[in-house]
Amino acid sequence: MLGFYKERQGRWISGVFAGIAKRFVWDPKWLRALFLAILIFVDHKFLLVLAYVALAYFLPYRQTFYAERYGTGPRKRKEAEKIYPWQ
């Protein structure tokens, strides 16, 4: 999902803003303040809260995101035949 994920460290509710802030190297406090300001001044509060709940449900945690993207466990070397120059 475009490289977005939730973050377990620094989260308040579900980690959505902490993950987005970490992705763009922002401070999560400013992102939360922006969300609250928009929530106060917008008429469609239900849609904004619904979007947050949808992100909280569908975004994976960072650890899961990287495990699916790059795999887990130690790297494996390919088994290859040894090449001897004297043969």
N, C-alpha and C. Protein backbone atom coordinates (compact mmCIF):
# COMPACT_ATOMS: atom_id res chain seq x y z
N MET A 1 0.84 -1.18 0.00
CA MET A 1 0.00 0.00 0.00
C MET A 1 0.89 1.24 0.00
N LEU A 2 1.62 1.42 -1.07
CA LEU A 2 2.47 2.59 -1.29
C LEU A 2 3.53 2.79 -0.22
N GLY A 3 3.90 1.74 0.47
CA GLY A 3 4.96 1.85 1.47
C GLY A 3 4.52 2.42 2.80
N PHE A 4 3.23 2.50 3.05
CA PHE A 4 2.74 3.01 4.33
C PHE A 4 2.53 1.85 5.30
N TYR A 5 2.76 2.12 6.55
CA TYR A 5 2.61 1.10 7.59
C TYR A 5 2.31 1.78 8.91
N LYS A 6 1.90 0.97 9.90
CA LYS A 6 1.70 1.46 11.26
C LYS A 6 2.97 1.23 12.05
N GLU A 7 3.14 2.00 13.09
CA GLU A 7 4.33 1.90 13.93
C GLU A 7 3.91 1.54 15.34
N ARG A 8 4.58 0.57 15.93
CA ARG A 8 4.27 0.18 17.31
C ARG A 8 4.88 1.14 18.33
N GLN A 9 6.04 1.69 18.02
CA GLN A 9 6.71 2.60 18.95
C GLN A 9 6.22 4.02 18.69
N GLY A 10 5.89 4.71 19.75
CA GLY A 10 5.44 6.08 19.63
C GLY A 10 3.99 6.23 19.24
N ARG A 11 3.24 5.16 19.35
CA ARG A 11 1.84 5.24 18.95
C ARG A 11 0.99 5.70 20.13
N TRP A 12 -0.15 6.30 19.81
CA TRP A 12 -1.11 6.69 20.84
C TRP A 12 -2.32 5.78 20.78
N ILE A 13 -2.92 5.64 19.63
CA ILE A 13 -4.11 4.80 19.52
C ILE A 13 -3.78 3.52 18.74
N SER A 14 -3.51 3.66 17.45
CA SER A 14 -3.22 2.47 16.67
C SER A 14 -1.88 2.53 15.95
N GLY A 15 -1.23 3.67 15.94
CA GLY A 15 0.07 3.78 15.31
C GLY A 15 0.04 4.28 13.88
N VAL A 16 -1.13 4.70 13.39
CA VAL A 16 -1.24 5.17 12.01
C VAL A 16 -0.41 6.43 11.79
N PHE A 17 -0.59 7.42 12.65
CA PHE A 17 0.15 8.67 12.48
C PHE A 17 1.63 8.50 12.77
N ALA A 18 1.98 7.63 13.67
CA ALA A 18 3.40 7.37 13.94
C ALA A 18 4.07 6.74 12.73
N GLY A 19 3.36 5.83 12.05
CA GLY A 19 3.92 5.20 10.85
C GLY A 19 4.04 6.15 9.68
N ILE A 20 3.00 6.98 9.47
CA ILE A 20 3.05 7.95 8.37
C ILE A 20 4.15 8.98 8.63
N ALA A 21 4.26 9.42 9.88
CA ALA A 21 5.29 10.40 10.22
C ALA A 21 6.69 9.81 10.04
N LYS A 22 6.86 8.56 10.40
CA LYS A 22 8.17 7.93 10.23
C LYS A 22 8.50 7.76 8.74
N ARG A 23 7.50 7.49 7.94
CA ARG A 23 7.71 7.32 6.49
C ARG A 23 8.21 8.61 5.84
N PHE A 24 7.67 9.76 6.26
CA PHE A 24 8.05 11.03 5.68
C PHE A 24 9.05 11.82 6.54
N VAL A 25 9.55 11.21 7.61
CA VAL A 25 10.51 11.81 8.54
C VAL A 25 9.95 13.12 9.11
N TRP A 26 8.74 13.02 9.64
CA TRP A 26 8.07 14.13 10.30
C TRP A 26 7.94 13.81 11.78
N ASP A 27 7.50 14.79 12.54
CA ASP A 27 7.19 14.57 13.94
C ASP A 27 5.72 14.16 14.04
N PRO A 28 5.42 13.04 14.69
CA PRO A 28 4.02 12.59 14.75
C PRO A 28 3.11 13.56 15.49
N LYS A 29 3.66 14.37 16.39
CA LYS A 29 2.82 15.34 17.11
C LYS A 29 2.18 16.34 16.15
N TRP A 30 2.93 16.77 15.13
CA TRP A 30 2.39 17.74 14.18
C TRP A 30 1.31 17.11 13.30
N LEU A 31 1.50 15.86 12.96
CA LEU A 31 0.50 15.16 12.16
C LEU A 31 -0.79 14.96 12.95
N ARG A 32 -0.65 14.62 14.22
CA ARG A 32 -1.84 14.47 15.07
C ARG A 32 -2.55 15.80 15.27
N ALA A 33 -1.78 16.87 15.45
CA ALA A 33 -2.37 18.20 15.62
C ALA A 33 -3.09 18.63 14.35
N LEU A 34 -2.51 18.33 13.20
CA LEU A 34 -3.16 18.66 11.93
C LEU A 34 -4.46 17.89 11.77
N PHE A 35 -4.45 16.62 12.13
CA PHE A 35 -5.67 15.81 12.06
C PHE A 35 -6.76 16.37 12.97
N LEU A 36 -6.39 16.74 14.19
CA LEU A 36 -7.38 17.31 15.12
C LEU A 36 -7.91 18.65 14.63
N ALA A 37 -7.04 19.47 14.05
CA ALA A 37 -7.49 20.76 13.52
C ALA A 37 -8.46 20.56 12.37
N ILE A 38 -8.14 19.63 11.48
CA ILE A 38 -9.06 19.34 10.38
C ILE A 38 -10.36 18.76 10.91
N LEU A 39 -10.26 17.91 11.92
CA LEU A 39 -11.46 17.32 12.51
C LEU A 39 -12.36 18.38 13.14
N ILE A 40 -11.78 19.40 13.71
CA ILE A 40 -12.58 20.46 14.34
C ILE A 40 -13.27 21.33 13.29
N PHE A 41 -12.57 21.65 12.20
CA PHE A 41 -13.09 22.62 11.25
C PHE A 41 -13.84 22.03 10.05
N VAL A 42 -13.88 20.73 9.91
CA VAL A 42 -14.55 20.10 8.77
C VAL A 42 -15.94 19.66 9.18
N ASP A 43 -16.87 19.75 8.22
CA ASP A 43 -18.24 19.35 8.50
C ASP A 43 -18.42 17.83 8.53
N HIS A 44 -17.68 17.12 7.71
CA HIS A 44 -17.84 15.67 7.59
C HIS A 44 -16.87 14.94 8.53
N LYS A 45 -17.11 15.06 9.81
CA LYS A 45 -16.23 14.43 10.79
C LYS A 45 -16.28 12.91 10.72
N PHE A 46 -17.47 12.39 10.41
CA PHE A 46 -17.64 10.95 10.35
C PHE A 46 -16.74 10.34 9.28
N LEU A 47 -16.62 10.98 8.11
CA LEU A 47 -15.78 10.44 7.05
C LEU A 47 -14.31 10.46 7.42
N LEU A 48 -13.90 11.49 8.12
CA LEU A 48 -12.50 11.58 8.55
C LEU A 48 -12.17 10.49 9.58
N VAL A 49 -13.06 10.28 10.52
CA VAL A 49 -12.86 9.22 11.51
C VAL A 49 -12.94 7.86 10.85
N LEU A 50 -13.83 7.70 9.88
CA LEU A 50 -13.94 6.44 9.16
C LEU A 50 -12.67 6.15 8.36
N ALA A 51 -12.07 7.19 7.77
CA ALA A 51 -10.81 7.00 7.05
C ALA A 51 -9.69 6.57 8.01
N TYR A 52 -9.66 7.16 9.21
CA TYR A 52 -8.64 6.78 10.19
C TYR A 52 -8.83 5.32 10.63
N VAL A 53 -10.08 4.94 10.87
CA VAL A 53 -10.36 3.56 11.28
C VAL A 53 -10.00 2.59 10.16
N ALA A 54 -10.28 2.97 8.92
CA ALA A 54 -9.92 2.10 7.79
C ALA A 54 -8.40 1.95 7.69
N LEU A 55 -7.67 3.04 7.86
CA LEU A 55 -6.20 2.94 7.85
C LEU A 55 -5.70 2.09 9.00
N ALA A 56 -6.30 2.24 10.16
CA ALA A 56 -5.89 1.44 11.32
C ALA A 56 -6.15 -0.04 11.09
N TYR A 57 -7.18 -0.35 10.34
CA TYR A 57 -7.52 -1.75 10.09
C TYR A 57 -6.67 -2.35 8.97
N PHE A 58 -6.47 -1.61 7.88
CA PHE A 58 -5.84 -2.18 6.70
C PHE A 58 -4.32 -2.04 6.65
N LEU A 59 -3.75 -1.05 7.30
CA LEU A 59 -2.29 -0.89 7.24
C LEU A 59 -1.60 -1.94 8.10
N PRO A 60 -0.55 -2.56 7.58
CA PRO A 60 0.20 -3.52 8.39
C PRO A 60 1.17 -2.79 9.31
N TYR A 61 1.62 -3.49 10.34
CA TYR A 61 2.67 -2.92 11.18
C TYR A 61 3.99 -2.96 10.42
N ARG A 62 4.92 -2.12 10.81
CA ARG A 62 6.20 -2.00 10.09
C ARG A 62 6.94 -3.33 10.03
N GLN A 63 6.96 -4.04 11.13
CA GLN A 63 7.67 -5.32 11.17
C GLN A 63 7.06 -6.31 10.18
N THR A 64 5.73 -6.35 10.12
CA THR A 64 5.04 -7.24 9.19
C THR A 64 5.27 -6.78 7.76
N PHE A 65 5.26 -5.48 7.54
CA PHE A 65 5.47 -4.92 6.21
C PHE A 65 6.84 -5.32 5.67
N TYR A 66 7.88 -5.16 6.48
CA TYR A 66 9.22 -5.51 6.03
C TYR A 66 9.42 -7.01 5.94
N ALA A 67 8.76 -7.77 6.78
CA ALA A 67 8.88 -9.23 6.70
C ALA A 67 8.26 -9.74 5.41
N GLU A 68 7.13 -9.16 5.00
CA GLU A 68 6.51 -9.59 3.74
C GLU A 68 7.32 -9.11 2.54
N ARG A 69 7.93 -7.96 2.67
CA ARG A 69 8.66 -7.38 1.54
C ARG A 69 10.01 -8.04 1.34
N TYR A 70 10.74 -8.25 2.42
CA TYR A 70 12.11 -8.74 2.30
C TYR A 70 12.33 -10.15 2.85
N GLY A 71 11.34 -10.72 3.49
CA GLY A 71 11.48 -12.05 4.06
C GLY A 71 12.10 -11.99 5.44
N THR A 72 12.10 -13.11 6.11
CA THR A 72 12.67 -13.18 7.45
C THR A 72 13.72 -14.28 7.48
N GLY A 73 14.49 -14.26 8.53
CA GLY A 73 15.49 -15.30 8.71
C GLY A 73 16.81 -14.92 8.09
N PRO A 74 17.79 -15.79 8.28
CA PRO A 74 19.13 -15.50 7.75
C PRO A 74 19.16 -15.64 6.23
N ARG A 75 20.09 -14.95 5.64
CA ARG A 75 20.26 -15.08 4.19
C ARG A 75 20.83 -16.44 3.86
N LYS A 76 20.43 -16.94 2.74
CA LYS A 76 20.92 -18.25 2.32
C LYS A 76 21.83 -18.08 1.12
N ARG A 77 22.96 -18.78 1.16
CA ARG A 77 23.87 -18.76 0.03
C ARG A 77 23.46 -19.83 -0.95
N LYS A 78 23.61 -19.50 -2.19
CA LYS A 78 23.31 -20.49 -3.21
C LYS A 78 24.44 -21.52 -3.23
N GLU A 79 24.03 -22.74 -3.39
CA GLU A 79 25.02 -23.80 -3.52
C GLU A 79 25.52 -23.80 -4.96
N ALA A 80 26.80 -23.60 -5.13
CA ALA A 80 27.38 -23.56 -6.45
C ALA A 80 28.57 -24.50 -6.51
N GLU A 81 28.87 -24.94 -7.69
CA GLU A 81 30.03 -25.80 -7.86
C GLU A 81 31.29 -24.96 -7.71
N LYS A 82 32.28 -25.55 -7.08
CA LYS A 82 33.56 -24.87 -6.95
C LYS A 82 34.32 -24.98 -8.26
N ILE A 83 34.94 -23.91 -8.63
CA ILE A 83 35.72 -23.90 -9.87
C ILE A 83 37.20 -23.93 -9.50
N TYR A 84 37.85 -24.95 -9.99
CA TYR A 84 39.27 -25.09 -9.74
C TYR A 84 40.03 -24.75 -11.01
N PRO A 85 41.00 -23.86 -10.94
CA PRO A 85 41.70 -23.46 -12.18
C PRO A 85 42.61 -24.55 -12.74
N TRP A 86 43.00 -25.54 -11.96
CA TRP A 86 43.93 -26.55 -12.44
C TRP A 86 43.24 -27.72 -13.10
N GLN A 87 41.95 -27.70 -13.26
CA GLN A 87 41.26 -28.82 -13.91
C GLN A 87 41.02 -28.58 -15.36
